[in-house]
Amino acid sequence: MPPRKTSQPPPYARASRSSPIRRKLLQFVALIGCTLLLLIYIATRLFGSSEEKAPQGTPEVVLVTLLDEATMSDEYRARIMENRKYYADKNGYATFFPDVSDYDYGNSPRSWAMVPALRHAMTKYPHSTYFFNLSPHSLIMNPKISLTSHVMDKNRLESIMLRDKPVVPPDSVIRTFTHLKGDKVDLVLTQDGEGLCQGSFILRRGEWAKFFLDTWFDPLYRSYNFQKAEAHALEHVVQWHPTILTKLALVPQSLINSYGVDIASRGGKEVMYKEGEFVVRLVGCELDSNRYCEKEFDMYYQQWKSYINKGTL
């Protein structure tokens, strides 16, 4: 007869007392590995460059100007668009003219709509490289100037960027980087005597740009009721978020943001538009009850039209 089976398991079948400890150790190692992979992925998405080839015919630059049908006349908006389209057609760029009413900015000032408008532009033109945000209360006076060679070319940018400069004048302890390379810059801003200028700046497409815009438009910052709304919020995120500061370059104001009015606190006559410069901006006209944006615009518009009619542009 076959031997009777015993109810006692053989010695080799006994569970090892060390197996729970070993299992926990393996789980811990796996968790650490997954965390490292996640961090590498995030860093790559934020700071890596995309190798995806843009479809043929993709405009390298998109001009984004936010309009406001509720506060601007039809003629004023038409002239603004005419000015941008003339420049874009001459240089092979695209234009994007969203309206303030297209976006939900809660109870925040209307000027906040500029931020989601840029995000919208990046969605509409997913392969374009640069997005030039330009206030509606401004004109491109010299359409012969290419935005890429004038500012964004790597060597050009390295030669004009303001290094070791207080981010917010006159004496911010946070300063621009001294060794930043031109091809690592994703945000180009100017500053005047009062602070950073959000009415004319250039943003390079990428995951970092989306991160920057999402951070800037965070409901928390909009709830702070900054005195200058999105302008002060921009100064806050640039100064206190190193991830943003590492991609920022300040350039001389006259390159993309000359002023059409003499305001002492913003730089006075030194920063006023001079013939041949790229852009003239009627800074603050929409905030001052003693000024009329359309009237100030008309003066420079007529000058711009005369250049075109003479064939000098």
Protein backbone atom coordinates (compact mmCIF):
# COMPACT_ATOMS: atom_id res chain seq x y z
CA MET A 1 0.00 0.00 0.00
CA PRO A 2 1.22 3.58 -0.67
CA PRO A 3 2.47 5.54 2.32
CA ARG A 4 -0.05 7.69 4.10
CA LYS A 5 0.25 11.39 3.43
CA THR A 6 1.28 13.46 6.40
CA SER A 7 -0.55 16.61 7.41
CA GLN A 8 2.76 18.29 8.22
CA PRO A 9 4.37 20.15 5.27
CA PRO A 10 7.98 19.31 4.49
CA PRO A 11 10.64 21.67 5.92
CA TYR A 12 11.33 23.33 2.58
CA ALA A 13 7.65 24.44 2.33
CA ARG A 14 7.79 26.58 5.45
CA ALA A 15 7.31 30.30 4.84
CA SER A 16 10.42 32.33 5.38
CA ARG A 17 10.19 34.87 8.19
CA SER A 18 12.18 37.34 6.08
CA SER A 19 9.78 37.35 3.08
CA PRO A 20 7.49 40.21 4.31
CA ILE A 21 10.54 42.39 4.94
CA ARG A 22 11.97 41.52 1.57
CA ARG A 23 8.63 42.27 -0.12
CA LYS A 24 8.44 45.70 1.52
CA LEU A 25 12.01 46.45 0.46
CA LEU A 26 11.22 45.56 -3.15
CA GLN A 27 8.11 47.77 -3.04
CA PHE A 28 10.16 50.66 -1.67
CA VAL A 29 12.78 50.27 -4.39
CA ALA A 30 10.06 50.14 -7.06
CA LEU A 31 8.48 53.30 -5.64
CA ILE A 32 11.79 55.15 -5.71
CA GLY A 33 12.36 54.01 -9.30
CA CYS A 34 8.93 55.19 -10.45
CA THR A 35 9.44 58.54 -8.72
CA LEU A 36 12.78 59.07 -10.46
CA LEU A 37 11.28 58.17 -13.85
CA LEU A 38 8.42 60.60 -13.24
CA LEU A 39 10.84 63.42 -12.33
CA ILE A 40 12.92 62.74 -15.43
CA TYR A 41 9.77 62.79 -17.57
CA ILE A 42 8.59 66.11 -16.09
CA ALA A 43 12.02 67.70 -16.51
CA THR A 44 12.19 66.50 -20.11
CA ARG A 45 8.74 67.89 -20.89
CA LEU A 46 9.48 71.24 -19.28
CA PHE A 47 13.03 71.83 -20.41
CA GLY A 48 13.57 69.50 -23.35
CA SER A 49 13.23 70.64 -26.91
CA SER A 50 10.70 69.06 -29.24
CA GLU A 51 12.11 67.43 -32.35
CA GLU A 52 8.70 67.22 -34.05
CA LYS A 53 8.92 68.63 -37.55
CA ALA A 54 6.48 71.44 -38.33
CA PRO A 55 4.20 70.91 -41.35
CA GLN A 56 5.12 72.80 -44.50
CA GLY A 57 3.70 76.32 -44.52
CA THR A 58 3.67 76.70 -40.73
CA PRO A 59 4.25 80.36 -39.76
CA GLU A 60 7.29 80.74 -37.55
CA VAL A 61 5.75 83.67 -35.66
CA VAL A 62 2.16 84.34 -34.59
CA LEU A 63 1.16 87.89 -33.63
CA VAL A 64 -1.44 87.81 -30.86
CA THR A 65 -3.44 90.95 -30.14
CA LEU A 66 -6.43 90.77 -27.80
CA LEU A 67 -9.30 93.01 -28.88
CA ASP A 68 -12.32 94.17 -26.91
CA GLU A 69 -15.48 94.72 -28.92
CA ALA A 70 -17.24 96.10 -25.85
CA THR A 71 -14.83 99.05 -25.45
CA MET A 72 -13.32 99.58 -28.93
CA SER A 73 -15.03 101.02 -31.98
CA ASP A 74 -15.25 98.99 -35.20
CA GLU A 75 -12.91 101.44 -36.92
CA TYR A 76 -10.32 101.20 -34.16
CA ARG A 77 -10.29 97.40 -34.23
CA ALA A 78 -10.11 97.39 -38.02
CA ARG A 79 -7.06 99.67 -37.99
CA ILE A 80 -5.32 97.54 -35.38
CA MET A 81 -5.87 94.40 -37.46
CA GLU A 82 -4.79 96.17 -40.65
CA ASN A 83 -1.48 97.12 -39.03
CA ARG A 84 -0.75 93.61 -37.76
CA LYS A 85 -1.78 91.89 -41.00
CA TYR A 86 0.41 94.16 -43.10
CA TYR A 87 3.43 93.24 -41.00
CA ALA A 88 2.55 89.54 -40.91
CA ASP A 89 2.03 89.33 -44.69
CA LYS A 90 5.35 91.06 -45.30
CA ASN A 91 7.25 88.58 -43.12
CA GLY A 92 5.32 85.34 -43.60
CA TYR A 93 3.83 85.37 -40.11
CA ALA A 94 0.28 84.69 -38.88
CA THR A 95 -2.09 86.85 -36.85
CA PHE A 96 -4.58 85.97 -34.13
CA PHE A 97 -7.22 88.41 -32.91
CA PRO A 98 -9.31 86.92 -30.08
CA ASP A 99 -11.84 88.99 -28.17
CA VAL A 100 -11.96 89.51 -24.41
CA SER A 101 -15.44 87.97 -24.36
CA ASP A 102 -14.02 84.64 -25.59
CA TYR A 103 -12.56 83.84 -22.17
CA ASP A 104 -13.67 83.20 -18.62
CA TYR A 105 -11.55 85.22 -16.21
CA GLY A 106 -14.05 85.28 -13.34
CA ASN A 107 -14.32 88.52 -11.43
CA SER A 108 -10.82 89.60 -12.40
CA PRO A 109 -10.11 92.72 -14.51
CA ARG A 110 -10.67 92.29 -18.26
CA SER A 111 -6.97 92.64 -18.96
CA TRP A 112 -6.43 89.15 -17.53
CA ALA A 113 -7.99 87.68 -20.69
CA MET A 114 -4.63 88.21 -22.41
CA VAL A 115 -3.20 85.11 -20.72
CA PRO A 116 -5.75 82.51 -21.90
CA ALA A 117 -5.70 84.25 -25.29
CA LEU A 118 -2.04 83.29 -25.64
CA ARG A 119 -2.81 79.73 -24.56
CA HIS A 120 -5.55 79.69 -27.19
CA ALA A 121 -3.12 80.88 -29.86
CA MET A 122 -0.70 78.09 -29.01
CA THR A 123 -3.50 75.57 -29.45
CA LYS A 124 -4.55 77.07 -32.78
CA TYR A 125 -0.96 77.15 -34.07
CA PRO A 126 0.63 74.10 -32.40
CA HIS A 127 3.73 74.06 -34.61
CA SER A 128 4.64 77.75 -34.70
CA THR A 129 7.80 78.65 -32.82
CA TYR A 130 7.21 82.15 -31.43
CA PHE A 131 4.15 84.00 -30.14
CA PHE A 132 4.42 87.76 -30.09
CA ASN A 133 1.93 89.27 -27.65
CA LEU A 134 1.26 92.90 -28.58
CA SER A 135 -1.17 95.26 -26.86
CA PRO A 136 -3.96 96.57 -29.11
CA HIS A 137 -2.94 100.12 -28.13
CA SER A 138 0.22 99.96 -30.20
CA LEU A 139 1.42 99.91 -33.80
CA ILE A 140 4.16 98.12 -35.64
CA MET A 141 5.87 101.09 -37.25
CA ASN A 142 8.70 99.34 -39.10
CA PRO A 143 7.47 96.18 -40.86
CA LYS A 144 10.89 95.62 -42.42
CA ILE A 145 12.13 94.33 -39.07
CA SER A 146 12.02 90.54 -38.72
CA LEU A 147 11.17 89.49 -35.19
CA THR A 148 13.45 86.47 -35.39
CA SER A 149 16.60 88.25 -36.58
CA HIS A 150 15.80 91.42 -34.59
CA VAL A 151 15.44 89.58 -31.26
CA MET A 152 15.17 85.79 -31.20
CA ASP A 153 18.23 84.68 -33.18
CA LYS A 154 20.53 82.93 -30.69
CA ASN A 155 23.60 85.11 -31.24
CA ARG A 156 21.55 88.28 -31.49
CA LEU A 157 19.70 87.52 -28.25
CA GLU A 158 22.93 86.79 -26.41
CA SER A 159 24.32 90.15 -27.52
CA ILE A 160 21.30 92.23 -26.41
CA MET A 161 19.97 90.53 -23.28
CA LEU A 162 20.41 92.47 -20.05
CA ARG A 163 22.42 90.32 -17.64
CA ASP A 164 22.54 90.57 -13.84
CA LYS A 165 19.75 93.14 -14.01
CA PRO A 166 17.14 93.59 -11.23
CA VAL A 167 14.02 91.91 -12.58
CA VAL A 168 11.80 94.62 -11.15
CA PRO A 169 13.39 98.08 -11.09
CA PRO A 170 15.02 99.77 -9.42
CA ASP A 171 16.45 97.44 -6.80
CA SER A 172 14.87 93.99 -6.81
CA VAL A 173 17.16 91.45 -5.16
CA ILE A 174 16.15 88.96 -7.86
CA ARG A 175 18.33 89.51 -10.93
CA THR A 176 18.52 88.07 -14.43
CA PHE A 177 21.00 85.28 -15.08
CA THR A 178 24.50 86.16 -16.23
CA HIS A 179 25.29 83.06 -18.29
CA LEU A 180 21.99 82.25 -19.99
CA LYS A 181 22.35 81.03 -23.58
CA GLY A 182 20.13 82.43 -26.31
CA ASP A 183 18.72 79.06 -27.32
CA LYS A 184 17.59 78.41 -23.74
CA VAL A 185 15.45 81.56 -23.57
CA ASP A 186 11.69 80.98 -23.80
CA LEU A 187 10.39 84.35 -22.60
CA VAL A 188 11.58 87.79 -23.74
CA LEU A 189 10.37 90.83 -21.80
CA THR A 190 11.21 94.49 -21.39
CA GLN A 191 10.96 96.72 -18.34
CA ASP A 192 10.37 100.43 -17.84
CA GLY A 193 10.83 102.68 -14.83
CA GLU A 194 7.88 101.10 -13.02
CA GLY A 195 8.29 97.39 -13.68
CA LEU A 196 7.98 94.58 -16.19
CA CYS A 197 6.03 95.29 -19.38
CA GLN A 198 3.40 92.75 -20.32
CA GLY A 199 2.08 94.76 -23.28
CA SER A 200 4.76 93.53 -25.68
CA PHE A 201 6.66 90.29 -25.17
CA ILE A 202 7.71 87.12 -27.00
CA LEU A 203 7.07 83.55 -25.91
CA ARG A 204 8.64 80.43 -27.43
CA ARG A 205 6.24 77.51 -27.91
CA GLY A 206 6.74 74.42 -25.74
CA GLU A 207 5.73 72.68 -22.55
CA TRP A 208 7.52 75.33 -20.52
CA ALA A 209 5.44 78.08 -22.15
CA LYS A 210 2.22 76.26 -21.24
CA PHE A 211 3.48 75.83 -17.68
CA PHE A 212 4.33 79.53 -17.49
CA LEU A 213 0.92 80.68 -18.74
CA ASP A 214 -0.93 78.26 -16.45
CA THR A 215 1.09 79.47 -13.49
CA TRP A 216 0.48 83.13 -14.36
CA PHE A 217 -3.28 82.56 -14.74
CA ASP A 218 -3.58 80.60 -11.49
CA PRO A 219 -6.86 81.51 -9.73
CA LEU A 220 -4.86 82.16 -6.56
CA TYR A 221 -2.94 85.03 -8.18
CA ARG A 222 -6.10 86.44 -9.74
CA SER A 223 -7.70 86.45 -6.30
CA TYR A 224 -4.91 88.59 -4.83
CA ASN A 225 -6.34 91.75 -6.44
CA PHE A 226 -2.92 93.09 -7.38
CA GLN A 227 -3.00 96.83 -8.02
CA LYS A 228 -1.92 96.31 -11.62
CA ALA A 229 -3.69 92.98 -12.05
CA GLU A 230 -1.82 90.61 -14.38
CA ALA A 231 1.21 92.95 -14.55
CA HIS A 232 1.96 92.62 -10.86
CA ALA A 233 1.13 88.92 -10.95
CA LEU A 234 3.73 88.53 -13.69
CA GLU A 235 6.35 90.27 -11.57
CA HIS A 236 5.49 87.96 -8.69
CA VAL A 237 5.82 84.68 -10.61
CA VAL A 238 9.00 85.77 -12.40
CA GLN A 239 10.73 86.75 -9.15
CA TRP A 240 9.64 83.89 -6.93
CA HIS A 241 9.52 80.92 -9.30
CA PRO A 242 13.09 79.93 -10.27
CA THR A 243 11.71 77.64 -12.99
CA ILE A 244 10.40 80.74 -14.77
CA LEU A 245 13.37 82.99 -14.09
CA THR A 246 15.74 80.43 -15.68
CA LYS A 247 14.06 80.93 -19.06
CA LEU A 248 13.68 84.72 -18.97
CA ALA A 249 15.66 87.32 -20.90
CA LEU A 250 15.21 91.07 -20.53
CA VAL A 251 16.07 93.15 -23.60
CA PRO A 252 16.33 96.92 -24.16
CA GLN A 253 12.89 98.49 -24.26
CA SER A 254 13.36 100.22 -27.62
CA LEU A 255 13.61 96.88 -29.42
CA ILE A 256 9.95 95.88 -29.02
CA ASN A 257 8.27 98.38 -26.71
CA SER A 258 8.95 102.07 -27.41
CA TYR A 259 6.41 104.47 -25.93
CA GLY A 260 4.32 107.04 -27.75
CA VAL A 261 3.84 109.26 -24.70
CA ASP A 262 6.19 110.96 -22.28
CA ILE A 263 5.58 109.52 -18.81
CA ALA A 264 8.33 110.45 -16.36
CA SER A 265 7.81 107.49 -14.02
CA ARG A 266 8.10 105.06 -16.92
CA GLY A 267 11.29 106.48 -18.40
CA GLY A 268 10.24 109.79 -19.92
CA LYS A 269 11.64 110.96 -23.26
CA GLU A 270 14.44 108.40 -23.17
CA VAL A 271 12.05 105.53 -23.97
CA MET A 272 9.80 107.38 -26.41
CA TYR A 273 9.45 106.13 -29.98
CA LYS A 274 12.03 107.29 -32.50
CA GLU A 275 11.62 107.01 -36.24
CA GLY A 276 12.77 103.65 -37.55
CA GLU A 277 12.07 101.73 -34.35
CA PHE A 278 9.95 98.60 -34.43
CA VAL A 279 6.91 99.29 -32.23
CA VAL A 280 5.22 102.27 -30.62
CA ARG A 281 2.95 101.58 -27.66
CA LEU A 282 0.45 103.98 -26.12
CA VAL A 283 1.08 102.65 -22.66
CA GLY A 284 -1.65 103.22 -20.07
CA CYS A 285 -4.05 105.08 -22.37
CA GLU A 286 -6.93 102.75 -21.48
CA LEU A 287 -6.45 103.42 -17.75
CA ASP A 288 -6.31 107.23 -17.84
CA SER A 289 -9.62 109.07 -18.13
CA ASN A 290 -7.77 112.13 -19.48
CA ARG A 291 -6.46 110.19 -22.47
CA TYR A 292 -8.21 108.74 -25.51
CA CYS A 293 -6.55 105.67 -27.01
CA GLU A 294 -8.12 105.98 -30.44
CA LYS A 295 -7.04 109.60 -30.82
CA GLU A 296 -3.44 108.84 -29.83
CA PHE A 297 -3.46 105.79 -32.09
CA ASP A 298 -4.69 107.83 -35.05
CA MET A 299 -1.63 110.09 -34.97
CA TYR A 300 0.78 107.18 -35.37
CA TYR A 301 -1.58 105.34 -37.72
CA GLN A 302 -1.53 108.28 -40.15
CA GLN A 303 2.26 108.39 -39.94
CA TRP A 304 2.45 104.64 -40.64
CA LYS A 305 0.06 104.95 -43.59
CA SER A 306 2.11 107.78 -45.07
CA TYR A 307 5.20 105.56 -44.97
CA ILE A 308 3.31 102.84 -46.83
CA ASN A 309 1.91 105.21 -49.44
CA LYS A 310 5.37 106.63 -50.10
CA GLY A 311 6.73 103.12 -50.49
CA THR A 312 9.29 103.58 -47.74
CA LEU A 313 8.07 100.49 -45.82
